[in-house]
N, C-alpha and C. Protein backbone atom coordinates (compact mmCIF):
# COMPACT_ATOMS: atom_id res chain seq x y z
N UNK A 1 -41.71 16.47 -10.26
CA UNK A 1 -43.13 16.83 -10.29
C UNK A 1 -43.86 15.94 -9.28
N UNK A 2 -44.14 16.50 -8.12
CA UNK A 2 -44.92 15.73 -7.16
C UNK A 2 -46.38 16.06 -7.36
N UNK A 3 -47.23 15.08 -7.13
CA UNK A 3 -48.64 15.32 -7.38
C UNK A 3 -49.50 14.70 -6.30
N UNK A 4 -50.68 15.25 -6.16
CA UNK A 4 -51.64 14.70 -5.22
C UNK A 4 -52.28 13.46 -5.82
N UNK A 5 -52.42 13.45 -7.15
CA UNK A 5 -53.03 12.34 -7.86
C UNK A 5 -51.92 11.57 -8.55
N UNK A 6 -51.73 10.31 -8.21
CA UNK A 6 -50.67 9.51 -8.82
C UNK A 6 -51.20 8.86 -10.08
N UNK A 7 -50.73 9.33 -11.22
CA UNK A 7 -51.14 8.80 -12.51
C UNK A 7 -50.37 7.52 -12.83
N UNK A 8 -51.02 6.60 -13.53
CA UNK A 8 -50.32 5.36 -13.90
C UNK A 8 -49.23 5.64 -14.94
N UNK A 9 -49.32 6.77 -15.61
CA UNK A 9 -48.32 7.15 -16.61
C UNK A 9 -47.51 8.36 -16.14
N UNK A 10 -47.29 8.45 -14.82
CA UNK A 10 -46.61 9.61 -14.26
C UNK A 10 -45.23 9.81 -14.87
N UNK A 11 -44.53 8.72 -15.13
CA UNK A 11 -43.19 8.83 -15.72
C UNK A 11 -43.26 9.50 -17.09
N UNK A 12 -44.24 9.14 -17.90
CA UNK A 12 -44.40 9.76 -19.22
C UNK A 12 -44.77 11.25 -19.09
N UNK A 13 -45.63 11.56 -18.15
CA UNK A 13 -46.05 12.95 -17.94
C UNK A 13 -44.84 13.80 -17.56
N UNK A 14 -44.00 13.27 -16.68
CA UNK A 14 -42.79 14.00 -16.28
C UNK A 14 -41.84 14.19 -17.47
N UNK A 15 -41.72 13.17 -18.32
CA UNK A 15 -40.87 13.31 -19.51
C UNK A 15 -41.46 14.33 -20.49
N UNK A 16 -42.78 14.38 -20.58
CA UNK A 16 -43.42 15.39 -21.43
C UNK A 16 -43.08 16.79 -20.93
N UNK A 17 -42.96 16.93 -19.62
CA UNK A 17 -42.58 18.21 -19.03
C UNK A 17 -41.17 18.62 -19.42
N UNK A 18 -40.39 17.66 -19.87
CA UNK A 18 -39.02 17.93 -20.35
C UNK A 18 -38.96 17.96 -21.87
N UNK A 19 -40.14 18.07 -22.50
CA UNK A 19 -40.28 18.13 -23.96
C UNK A 19 -39.73 16.91 -24.67
N UNK A 20 -39.90 15.73 -24.09
CA UNK A 20 -39.45 14.48 -24.70
C UNK A 20 -40.47 14.07 -25.76
N UNK A 21 -40.09 14.10 -27.05
CA UNK A 21 -41.06 13.80 -28.11
C UNK A 21 -41.59 12.36 -28.08
N UNK A 22 -40.78 11.40 -27.66
CA UNK A 22 -41.25 10.02 -27.59
C UNK A 22 -42.32 9.88 -26.50
N UNK A 23 -42.12 10.52 -25.38
CA UNK A 23 -43.10 10.48 -24.29
C UNK A 23 -44.38 11.20 -24.73
N UNK A 24 -44.22 12.32 -25.42
CA UNK A 24 -45.39 13.05 -25.91
C UNK A 24 -46.19 12.19 -26.87
N UNK A 25 -45.52 11.47 -27.74
CA UNK A 25 -46.22 10.61 -28.69
C UNK A 25 -46.94 9.48 -27.97
N UNK A 26 -46.32 8.91 -26.93
CA UNK A 26 -46.96 7.84 -26.17
C UNK A 26 -48.21 8.36 -25.45
N UNK A 27 -48.11 9.54 -24.86
CA UNK A 27 -49.27 10.14 -24.19
C UNK A 27 -50.37 10.40 -25.22
N UNK A 28 -49.97 10.91 -26.38
CA UNK A 28 -50.92 11.17 -27.46
C UNK A 28 -51.66 9.88 -27.82
N UNK A 29 -50.92 8.81 -28.01
CA UNK A 29 -51.54 7.53 -28.39
C UNK A 29 -52.47 7.01 -27.29
N UNK A 30 -52.12 7.24 -26.04
CA UNK A 30 -52.94 6.76 -24.92
C UNK A 30 -54.28 7.51 -24.82
N UNK A 31 -54.26 8.81 -25.13
CA UNK A 31 -55.44 9.64 -24.87
C UNK A 31 -56.15 10.14 -26.14
N UNK A 32 -55.57 9.91 -27.30
CA UNK A 32 -56.10 10.45 -28.55
C UNK A 32 -57.58 10.15 -28.76
N UNK A 33 -57.94 8.88 -28.73
CA UNK A 33 -59.30 8.47 -29.10
C UNK A 33 -60.34 9.06 -28.14
N UNK A 34 -60.08 9.00 -26.85
CA UNK A 34 -61.03 9.53 -25.87
C UNK A 34 -61.20 11.05 -26.05
N UNK A 35 -60.10 11.75 -26.29
CA UNK A 35 -60.17 13.21 -26.44
C UNK A 35 -60.87 13.59 -27.75
N UNK A 36 -60.59 12.84 -28.79
CA UNK A 36 -61.25 13.08 -30.07
C UNK A 36 -62.76 12.88 -29.93
N UNK A 37 -63.16 11.79 -29.29
CA UNK A 37 -64.59 11.51 -29.10
C UNK A 37 -65.27 12.58 -28.26
N UNK A 38 -64.58 13.06 -27.23
CA UNK A 38 -65.15 14.14 -26.40
C UNK A 38 -65.41 15.38 -27.25
N UNK A 39 -64.46 15.74 -28.07
CA UNK A 39 -64.62 16.92 -28.93
C UNK A 39 -65.72 16.69 -29.97
N UNK A 40 -65.73 15.52 -30.58
CA UNK A 40 -66.71 15.22 -31.62
C UNK A 40 -68.14 15.28 -31.08
N UNK A 41 -68.34 14.82 -29.85
CA UNK A 41 -69.69 14.88 -29.27
C UNK A 41 -70.15 16.34 -29.11
N UNK A 42 -69.23 17.25 -28.98
CA UNK A 42 -69.59 18.66 -28.80
C UNK A 42 -69.73 19.38 -30.14
N UNK A 43 -68.73 19.26 -31.02
CA UNK A 43 -68.74 20.05 -32.26
C UNK A 43 -69.46 19.38 -33.41
N UNK A 44 -69.66 18.06 -33.34
CA UNK A 44 -70.40 17.31 -34.36
C UNK A 44 -69.79 17.44 -35.76
N UNK A 45 -68.48 17.61 -35.86
CA UNK A 45 -67.81 17.72 -37.14
C UNK A 45 -66.47 16.99 -37.03
N UNK A 46 -66.27 15.96 -37.86
CA UNK A 46 -65.09 15.10 -37.77
C UNK A 46 -63.78 15.90 -37.93
N UNK A 47 -63.69 16.71 -38.98
CA UNK A 47 -62.45 17.46 -39.24
C UNK A 47 -62.19 18.48 -38.13
N UNK A 48 -63.24 19.14 -37.69
CA UNK A 48 -63.08 20.13 -36.63
C UNK A 48 -62.66 19.47 -35.32
N UNK A 49 -63.25 18.33 -35.00
CA UNK A 49 -62.88 17.61 -33.78
C UNK A 49 -61.42 17.17 -33.84
N UNK A 50 -60.98 16.74 -35.01
CA UNK A 50 -59.58 16.35 -35.20
C UNK A 50 -58.65 17.54 -34.96
N UNK A 51 -58.99 18.69 -35.54
CA UNK A 51 -58.18 19.90 -35.35
C UNK A 51 -58.14 20.31 -33.88
N UNK A 52 -59.28 20.29 -33.24
CA UNK A 52 -59.36 20.68 -31.83
C UNK A 52 -58.53 19.74 -30.97
N UNK A 53 -58.64 18.47 -31.26
CA UNK A 53 -57.89 17.48 -30.49
C UNK A 53 -56.38 17.72 -30.65
N UNK A 54 -55.93 17.96 -31.88
CA UNK A 54 -54.50 18.23 -32.13
C UNK A 54 -54.05 19.48 -31.39
N UNK A 55 -54.84 20.57 -31.51
CA UNK A 55 -54.51 21.82 -30.83
C UNK A 55 -54.48 21.64 -29.32
N UNK A 56 -55.38 20.82 -28.82
CA UNK A 56 -55.46 20.58 -27.38
C UNK A 56 -54.21 19.87 -26.87
N UNK A 57 -53.74 18.89 -27.62
CA UNK A 57 -52.51 18.20 -27.21
C UNK A 57 -51.32 19.16 -27.25
N UNK A 58 -51.24 19.97 -28.28
CA UNK A 58 -50.14 20.94 -28.35
C UNK A 58 -50.19 21.90 -27.16
N UNK A 59 -51.38 22.38 -26.85
CA UNK A 59 -51.54 23.29 -25.71
C UNK A 59 -51.18 22.58 -24.40
N UNK A 60 -51.61 21.33 -24.27
CA UNK A 60 -51.31 20.58 -23.05
C UNK A 60 -49.80 20.39 -22.89
N UNK A 61 -49.12 20.04 -23.96
CA UNK A 61 -47.68 19.84 -23.87
C UNK A 61 -46.95 21.15 -23.59
N UNK A 62 -47.45 22.25 -24.18
CA UNK A 62 -46.86 23.57 -23.95
C UNK A 62 -47.05 24.01 -22.49
N UNK A 63 -48.17 23.62 -21.91
CA UNK A 63 -48.52 24.08 -20.56
C UNK A 63 -48.48 22.97 -19.51
N UNK A 64 -47.76 21.92 -19.79
CA UNK A 64 -47.79 20.75 -18.90
C UNK A 64 -47.27 21.08 -17.51
N UNK A 65 -46.43 22.09 -17.40
CA UNK A 65 -45.92 22.48 -16.08
C UNK A 65 -47.04 23.05 -15.20
N UNK A 66 -48.15 23.47 -15.82
CA UNK A 66 -49.30 23.97 -15.07
C UNK A 66 -50.13 22.83 -14.49
N UNK A 67 -49.91 21.61 -14.97
CA UNK A 67 -50.62 20.45 -14.44
C UNK A 67 -50.08 20.18 -13.04
N UNK A 68 -50.96 20.34 -12.05
CA UNK A 68 -50.54 20.23 -10.64
C UNK A 68 -50.83 18.87 -10.04
N UNK A 69 -51.47 17.98 -10.78
CA UNK A 69 -51.74 16.66 -10.26
C UNK A 69 -52.91 16.60 -9.29
N UNK A 70 -53.76 17.62 -9.31
CA UNK A 70 -54.93 17.62 -8.41
C UNK A 70 -56.03 16.71 -8.93
N UNK A 71 -56.03 16.44 -10.22
CA UNK A 71 -56.94 15.50 -10.87
C UNK A 71 -56.09 14.61 -11.77
N UNK A 72 -56.70 13.59 -12.33
CA UNK A 72 -55.93 12.73 -13.24
C UNK A 72 -55.49 13.55 -14.46
N UNK A 73 -54.43 13.11 -15.11
CA UNK A 73 -53.95 13.80 -16.30
C UNK A 73 -55.04 13.78 -17.38
N UNK A 74 -55.74 12.65 -17.50
CA UNK A 74 -56.81 12.54 -18.50
C UNK A 74 -57.92 13.56 -18.26
N UNK A 75 -58.28 13.78 -16.99
CA UNK A 75 -59.32 14.76 -16.66
C UNK A 75 -58.83 16.18 -16.99
N UNK A 76 -57.56 16.45 -16.71
CA UNK A 76 -56.98 17.77 -17.02
C UNK A 76 -56.97 18.00 -18.53
N UNK A 77 -56.55 16.99 -19.28
CA UNK A 77 -56.52 17.08 -20.73
C UNK A 77 -57.92 17.21 -21.31
N UNK A 78 -58.88 16.45 -20.76
CA UNK A 78 -60.25 16.52 -21.24
C UNK A 78 -60.82 17.92 -21.05
N UNK A 79 -60.47 18.57 -19.95
CA UNK A 79 -60.96 19.93 -19.69
C UNK A 79 -60.46 20.88 -20.80
N UNK A 80 -59.22 20.70 -21.23
CA UNK A 80 -58.67 21.51 -22.32
C UNK A 80 -59.46 21.24 -23.60
N UNK A 81 -59.71 19.98 -23.90
CA UNK A 81 -60.43 19.60 -25.12
C UNK A 81 -61.85 20.16 -25.09
N UNK A 82 -62.55 20.00 -23.98
CA UNK A 82 -63.92 20.49 -23.87
C UNK A 82 -63.95 22.01 -24.03
N UNK A 83 -63.04 22.71 -23.36
CA UNK A 83 -63.02 24.17 -23.47
C UNK A 83 -62.73 24.62 -24.90
N UNK A 84 -61.79 23.98 -25.56
CA UNK A 84 -61.49 24.34 -26.95
C UNK A 84 -62.65 24.01 -27.88
N UNK A 85 -63.35 22.94 -27.61
CA UNK A 85 -64.52 22.57 -28.42
C UNK A 85 -65.62 23.61 -28.25
N UNK A 86 -65.86 24.02 -27.02
CA UNK A 86 -66.87 25.04 -26.76
C UNK A 86 -66.46 26.38 -27.37
N UNK A 87 -65.17 26.71 -27.29
CA UNK A 87 -64.68 27.95 -27.92
C UNK A 87 -64.92 27.93 -29.42
N UNK A 88 -64.74 26.76 -30.02
CA UNK A 88 -64.98 26.63 -31.46
C UNK A 88 -66.44 26.92 -31.80
N UNK A 89 -67.36 26.41 -30.98
CA UNK A 89 -68.78 26.69 -31.21
C UNK A 89 -69.07 28.18 -31.03
N UNK A 90 -68.45 28.78 -30.02
CA UNK A 90 -68.67 30.21 -29.78
C UNK A 90 -68.18 31.05 -30.95
N UNK A 91 -67.06 30.64 -31.55
CA UNK A 91 -66.53 31.36 -32.72
C UNK A 91 -67.51 31.32 -33.88
N UNK A 92 -68.26 30.24 -33.95
CA UNK A 92 -69.27 30.13 -35.01
C UNK A 92 -70.52 30.90 -34.62
N UNK A 93 -70.49 31.49 -33.43
CA UNK A 93 -71.59 32.29 -32.91
C UNK A 93 -72.88 31.48 -32.75
N UNK A 94 -72.72 30.23 -32.39
CA UNK A 94 -73.90 29.41 -32.10
C UNK A 94 -74.41 29.81 -30.73
N UNK A 95 -75.68 30.04 -30.64
CA UNK A 95 -76.27 30.36 -29.35
C UNK A 95 -76.46 29.05 -28.60
N UNK A 96 -75.70 28.88 -27.53
CA UNK A 96 -75.71 27.62 -26.81
C UNK A 96 -76.95 27.47 -25.94
N UNK A 97 -77.41 28.55 -25.34
CA UNK A 97 -78.49 28.44 -24.38
C UNK A 97 -79.57 29.47 -24.62
N UNK A 98 -80.45 29.23 -25.60
CA UNK A 98 -81.56 30.14 -25.81
C UNK A 98 -82.65 29.84 -24.78
N UNK A 99 -82.53 30.46 -23.60
CA UNK A 99 -83.47 30.15 -22.53
C UNK A 99 -84.10 31.40 -21.97
N UNK A 100 -85.23 31.20 -21.33
CA UNK A 100 -85.78 32.28 -20.53
C UNK A 100 -85.26 32.05 -19.11
N UNK A 101 -85.65 32.86 -18.17
CA UNK A 101 -85.09 32.76 -16.84
C UNK A 101 -85.79 31.77 -15.93
N UNK A 102 -86.82 31.08 -16.41
CA UNK A 102 -87.51 30.09 -15.58
C UNK A 102 -86.59 28.90 -15.36
N UNK A 103 -86.37 28.57 -14.10
CA UNK A 103 -85.49 27.45 -13.77
C UNK A 103 -86.31 26.31 -13.18
N UNK A 104 -85.93 25.11 -13.53
CA UNK A 104 -86.60 23.94 -12.98
C UNK A 104 -85.89 23.50 -11.72
N UNK A 105 -86.62 23.06 -10.75
CA UNK A 105 -86.05 22.50 -9.52
C UNK A 105 -85.99 20.98 -9.70
N UNK A 106 -84.84 20.41 -9.40
CA UNK A 106 -84.69 18.96 -9.51
C UNK A 106 -84.97 18.31 -8.16
N UNK A 107 -85.71 17.26 -8.19
CA UNK A 107 -85.88 16.49 -6.96
C UNK A 107 -84.68 15.55 -6.86
N UNK A 108 -84.45 14.99 -5.69
CA UNK A 108 -83.33 14.06 -5.53
C UNK A 108 -83.50 12.86 -6.45
N UNK A 109 -84.72 12.42 -6.66
CA UNK A 109 -84.98 11.28 -7.54
C UNK A 109 -84.53 11.60 -8.96
N UNK A 110 -84.84 12.81 -9.44
CA UNK A 110 -84.45 13.19 -10.80
C UNK A 110 -82.94 13.32 -10.92
N UNK A 111 -82.27 13.80 -9.87
CA UNK A 111 -80.82 13.96 -9.92
C UNK A 111 -80.11 12.62 -9.94
N UNK A 112 -80.67 11.63 -9.27
CA UNK A 112 -79.97 10.37 -9.11
C UNK A 112 -80.36 9.29 -10.09
N UNK A 113 -81.26 9.55 -11.04
CA UNK A 113 -81.74 8.47 -11.89
C UNK A 113 -80.90 8.25 -13.15
N UNK A 114 -79.69 8.80 -13.21
CA UNK A 114 -78.88 8.60 -14.41
C UNK A 114 -78.01 7.34 -14.34
N UNK A 115 -78.19 6.51 -13.35
CA UNK A 115 -77.42 5.28 -13.22
C UNK A 115 -78.21 4.06 -13.68
N UNK A 116 -79.10 4.24 -14.64
CA UNK A 116 -79.95 3.16 -15.15
C UNK A 116 -79.18 2.40 -16.22
N UNK A 117 -79.38 1.08 -16.28
CA UNK A 117 -78.75 0.25 -17.30
C UNK A 117 -79.62 0.27 -18.57
N UNK A 118 -78.98 0.41 -19.74
CA UNK A 118 -79.70 0.46 -21.00
C UNK A 118 -79.19 -0.64 -21.93
N UNK A 119 -80.07 -1.16 -22.80
CA UNK A 119 -79.66 -2.14 -23.80
C UNK A 119 -78.93 -1.41 -24.93
N UNK A 120 -78.25 -2.17 -25.78
CA UNK A 120 -77.53 -1.56 -26.91
C UNK A 120 -78.50 -0.83 -27.83
N UNK A 121 -79.67 -1.41 -28.06
CA UNK A 121 -80.68 -0.77 -28.92
C UNK A 121 -81.15 0.55 -28.30
N UNK A 122 -81.39 0.55 -26.99
CA UNK A 122 -81.81 1.77 -26.32
C UNK A 122 -80.71 2.84 -26.40
N UNK A 123 -79.47 2.43 -26.25
CA UNK A 123 -78.35 3.37 -26.33
C UNK A 123 -78.27 3.97 -27.72
N UNK A 124 -78.46 3.16 -28.75
CA UNK A 124 -78.43 3.66 -30.13
C UNK A 124 -79.53 4.69 -30.36
N UNK A 125 -80.72 4.40 -29.84
CA UNK A 125 -81.84 5.35 -29.97
C UNK A 125 -81.52 6.64 -29.23
N UNK A 126 -80.96 6.52 -28.03
CA UNK A 126 -80.58 7.71 -27.26
C UNK A 126 -79.55 8.56 -28.00
N UNK A 127 -78.53 7.91 -28.56
CA UNK A 127 -77.49 8.64 -29.29
C UNK A 127 -78.08 9.39 -30.48
N UNK A 128 -78.97 8.75 -31.22
CA UNK A 128 -79.61 9.42 -32.36
C UNK A 128 -80.43 10.60 -31.88
N UNK A 129 -81.15 10.42 -30.79
CA UNK A 129 -81.95 11.50 -30.22
C UNK A 129 -81.09 12.66 -29.75
N UNK A 130 -79.97 12.35 -29.09
CA UNK A 130 -79.07 13.39 -28.62
C UNK A 130 -78.52 14.20 -29.79
N UNK A 131 -78.19 13.51 -30.87
CA UNK A 131 -77.68 14.22 -32.06
C UNK A 131 -78.69 15.21 -32.63
N UNK A 132 -79.98 14.98 -32.39
CA UNK A 132 -81.03 15.87 -32.92
C UNK A 132 -81.35 17.04 -31.98
N UNK A 133 -80.77 17.03 -30.80
CA UNK A 133 -81.04 18.11 -29.84
C UNK A 133 -80.39 19.42 -30.28
N UNK A 134 -80.96 20.55 -29.86
CA UNK A 134 -80.29 21.83 -30.07
C UNK A 134 -78.91 21.79 -29.40
N UNK A 135 -77.97 22.56 -29.92
CA UNK A 135 -76.58 22.51 -29.47
C UNK A 135 -76.42 22.63 -27.96
N UNK A 136 -77.05 23.60 -27.34
CA UNK A 136 -76.89 23.80 -25.90
C UNK A 136 -77.34 22.60 -25.10
N UNK A 137 -78.49 22.05 -25.46
CA UNK A 137 -79.01 20.88 -24.77
C UNK A 137 -78.06 19.69 -24.95
N UNK A 138 -77.59 19.51 -26.18
CA UNK A 138 -76.69 18.39 -26.49
C UNK A 138 -75.41 18.49 -25.67
N UNK A 139 -74.89 19.70 -25.55
CA UNK A 139 -73.65 19.89 -24.80
C UNK A 139 -73.85 19.55 -23.33
N UNK A 140 -74.93 20.05 -22.74
CA UNK A 140 -75.20 19.77 -21.32
C UNK A 140 -75.35 18.26 -21.10
N UNK A 141 -76.13 17.58 -21.94
CA UNK A 141 -76.30 16.13 -21.78
C UNK A 141 -74.97 15.40 -21.92
N UNK A 142 -74.18 15.77 -22.91
CA UNK A 142 -72.89 15.13 -23.10
C UNK A 142 -71.96 15.36 -21.92
N UNK A 143 -71.87 16.62 -21.46
CA UNK A 143 -70.98 16.91 -20.35
C UNK A 143 -71.41 16.18 -19.08
N UNK A 144 -72.71 16.10 -18.84
CA UNK A 144 -73.20 15.49 -17.60
C UNK A 144 -73.22 13.96 -17.69
N UNK A 145 -73.86 13.43 -18.71
CA UNK A 145 -74.06 11.98 -18.79
C UNK A 145 -72.85 11.22 -19.32
N UNK A 146 -72.18 11.78 -20.31
CA UNK A 146 -71.10 11.04 -20.97
C UNK A 146 -69.73 11.41 -20.40
N UNK A 147 -69.46 12.71 -20.27
CA UNK A 147 -68.15 13.13 -19.78
C UNK A 147 -68.04 13.04 -18.26
N UNK A 148 -69.19 12.99 -17.56
CA UNK A 148 -69.17 12.78 -16.13
C UNK A 148 -68.98 14.02 -15.27
N UNK A 149 -69.15 15.19 -15.84
CA UNK A 149 -69.03 16.41 -15.04
C UNK A 149 -70.31 16.61 -14.22
N UNK A 150 -70.17 17.21 -13.03
CA UNK A 150 -71.37 17.55 -12.27
C UNK A 150 -71.82 18.96 -12.68
N UNK A 151 -72.95 19.40 -12.16
CA UNK A 151 -73.52 20.67 -12.61
C UNK A 151 -72.65 21.87 -12.21
N UNK A 152 -71.96 21.77 -11.08
CA UNK A 152 -71.06 22.86 -10.70
C UNK A 152 -69.91 22.97 -11.70
N UNK A 153 -69.34 21.83 -12.10
CA UNK A 153 -68.25 21.83 -13.07
C UNK A 153 -68.74 22.33 -14.44
N UNK A 154 -69.92 21.89 -14.84
CA UNK A 154 -70.48 22.33 -16.12
C UNK A 154 -70.70 23.84 -16.08
N UNK A 155 -71.22 24.33 -14.97
CA UNK A 155 -71.41 25.77 -14.82
C UNK A 155 -70.11 26.52 -14.98
N UNK A 156 -69.06 26.01 -14.38
CA UNK A 156 -67.75 26.64 -14.49
C UNK A 156 -67.23 26.60 -15.92
N UNK A 157 -67.36 25.46 -16.56
CA UNK A 157 -66.88 25.31 -17.95
C UNK A 157 -67.63 26.24 -18.90
N UNK A 158 -68.95 26.32 -18.74
CA UNK A 158 -69.79 27.08 -19.68
C UNK A 158 -70.05 28.52 -19.23
N UNK A 159 -69.50 28.87 -18.06
CA UNK A 159 -69.70 30.20 -17.51
C UNK A 159 -71.18 30.50 -17.27
N UNK A 160 -71.85 29.52 -16.66
CA UNK A 160 -73.25 29.65 -16.28
C UNK A 160 -73.36 29.19 -14.83
N UNK A 161 -74.50 29.40 -14.21
CA UNK A 161 -74.67 28.92 -12.85
C UNK A 161 -74.96 27.42 -12.86
N UNK A 162 -74.73 26.79 -11.73
CA UNK A 162 -75.04 25.35 -11.64
C UNK A 162 -76.54 25.13 -11.76
N UNK A 163 -77.35 26.09 -11.29
CA UNK A 163 -78.80 25.92 -11.43
C UNK A 163 -79.23 26.04 -12.89
N UNK A 164 -78.55 26.88 -13.66
CA UNK A 164 -78.84 26.95 -15.10
C UNK A 164 -78.46 25.63 -15.77
N UNK A 165 -77.34 25.05 -15.35
CA UNK A 165 -76.94 23.75 -15.88
C UNK A 165 -78.01 22.70 -15.58
N UNK A 166 -78.49 22.68 -14.34
CA UNK A 166 -79.53 21.72 -13.97
C UNK A 166 -80.80 21.95 -14.79
N UNK A 167 -81.16 23.21 -14.94
CA UNK A 167 -82.35 23.57 -15.70
C UNK A 167 -82.22 23.10 -17.16
N UNK A 168 -81.08 23.39 -17.76
CA UNK A 168 -80.85 22.98 -19.14
C UNK A 168 -80.82 21.47 -19.27
N UNK A 169 -80.27 20.80 -18.26
CA UNK A 169 -80.24 19.34 -18.27
C UNK A 169 -81.67 18.78 -18.27
N UNK A 170 -82.52 19.33 -17.40
CA UNK A 170 -83.91 18.88 -17.33
C UNK A 170 -84.63 19.15 -18.65
N UNK A 171 -84.43 20.33 -19.20
CA UNK A 171 -85.05 20.67 -20.48
C UNK A 171 -84.55 19.76 -21.59
N UNK A 172 -83.25 19.47 -21.56
CA UNK A 172 -82.67 18.58 -22.57
C UNK A 172 -83.28 17.19 -22.46
N UNK A 173 -83.45 16.70 -21.23
CA UNK A 173 -84.07 15.38 -21.05
C UNK A 173 -85.49 15.37 -21.60
N UNK A 174 -86.25 16.43 -21.29
CA UNK A 174 -87.64 16.50 -21.78
C UNK A 174 -87.67 16.56 -23.31
N UNK A 175 -86.77 17.34 -23.89
CA UNK A 175 -86.71 17.45 -25.35
C UNK A 175 -86.29 16.12 -25.97
N UNK A 176 -85.34 15.44 -25.33
CA UNK A 176 -84.90 14.14 -25.82
C UNK A 176 -86.05 13.12 -25.77
N UNK A 177 -86.80 13.13 -24.70
CA UNK A 177 -87.97 12.22 -24.59
C UNK A 177 -88.96 12.53 -25.71
N UNK A 178 -89.18 13.81 -25.96
CA UNK A 178 -90.09 14.22 -27.03
C UNK A 178 -89.59 13.73 -28.39
N UNK A 179 -88.32 13.91 -28.66
CA UNK A 179 -87.73 13.48 -29.94
C UNK A 179 -87.87 11.97 -30.11
N UNK A 180 -87.53 11.23 -29.07
CA UNK A 180 -87.60 9.76 -29.15
C UNK A 180 -89.04 9.31 -29.32
N UNK A 181 -89.97 9.93 -28.62
CA UNK A 181 -91.39 9.59 -28.77
C UNK A 181 -91.87 9.85 -30.19
N UNK A 182 -91.48 10.99 -30.75
CA UNK A 182 -91.88 11.31 -32.12
C UNK A 182 -91.31 10.31 -33.10
N UNK A 183 -90.06 9.91 -32.90
CA UNK A 183 -89.43 8.92 -33.79
C UNK A 183 -90.13 7.57 -33.67
N UNK A 184 -90.48 7.19 -32.47
CA UNK A 184 -91.19 5.94 -32.24
C UNK A 184 -92.56 5.97 -32.89
N UNK A 185 -93.26 7.10 -32.78
CA UNK A 185 -94.58 7.25 -33.39
C UNK A 185 -94.50 7.20 -34.92
N UNK A 186 -93.42 7.76 -35.48
CA UNK A 186 -93.23 7.71 -36.94
C UNK A 186 -93.03 6.29 -37.41
N UNK A 187 -92.37 5.46 -36.59
CA UNK A 187 -92.16 4.05 -36.95
C UNK A 187 -93.48 3.30 -37.02
N UNK A 188 -94.42 3.70 -36.17
CA UNK A 188 -95.71 3.01 -36.10
C UNK A 188 -96.59 3.35 -37.29
N UNK A 189 -96.34 4.45 -37.97
CA UNK A 189 -97.20 4.86 -39.10
C UNK A 189 -96.93 4.05 -40.34
């Protein structure tokens, strides 16, 4: 298995391609927590995230020969987890993006301001606020800010345009600011 991206665990990945259970277990242990957390941020249900994560590993091991090494193995596996998590939400018939067609234009300043440093307290407030967002907004924020996907990738994952992803991201930020402001105002009362 030659690859464009040299993984630090390339030997284990190659053994997984030969259905080596010990290698599969080692890969599982290396990536379990990150994949579980990625799913949990999307589905917001511990048991469901666990099931999705397990199914994702099984699918990855079954289809490991499709891994071409164009991205890191972790990124390839995360894509499987994210897609399965989104599929789970779709099965529940949750409307991910209740939007009208008005799109927001992002300035370069707005696109680049996500590299700000936050204190632990600010991060805790942000996490609580994100949890209160509507599902579609929460997914866009998680995929962009936490999982590190760009708007083109998010568009591909969610089967929407990159401009819709940007629009939803802006709306999610505005809604998050509103939620945090309301929570702060409630504290003052």
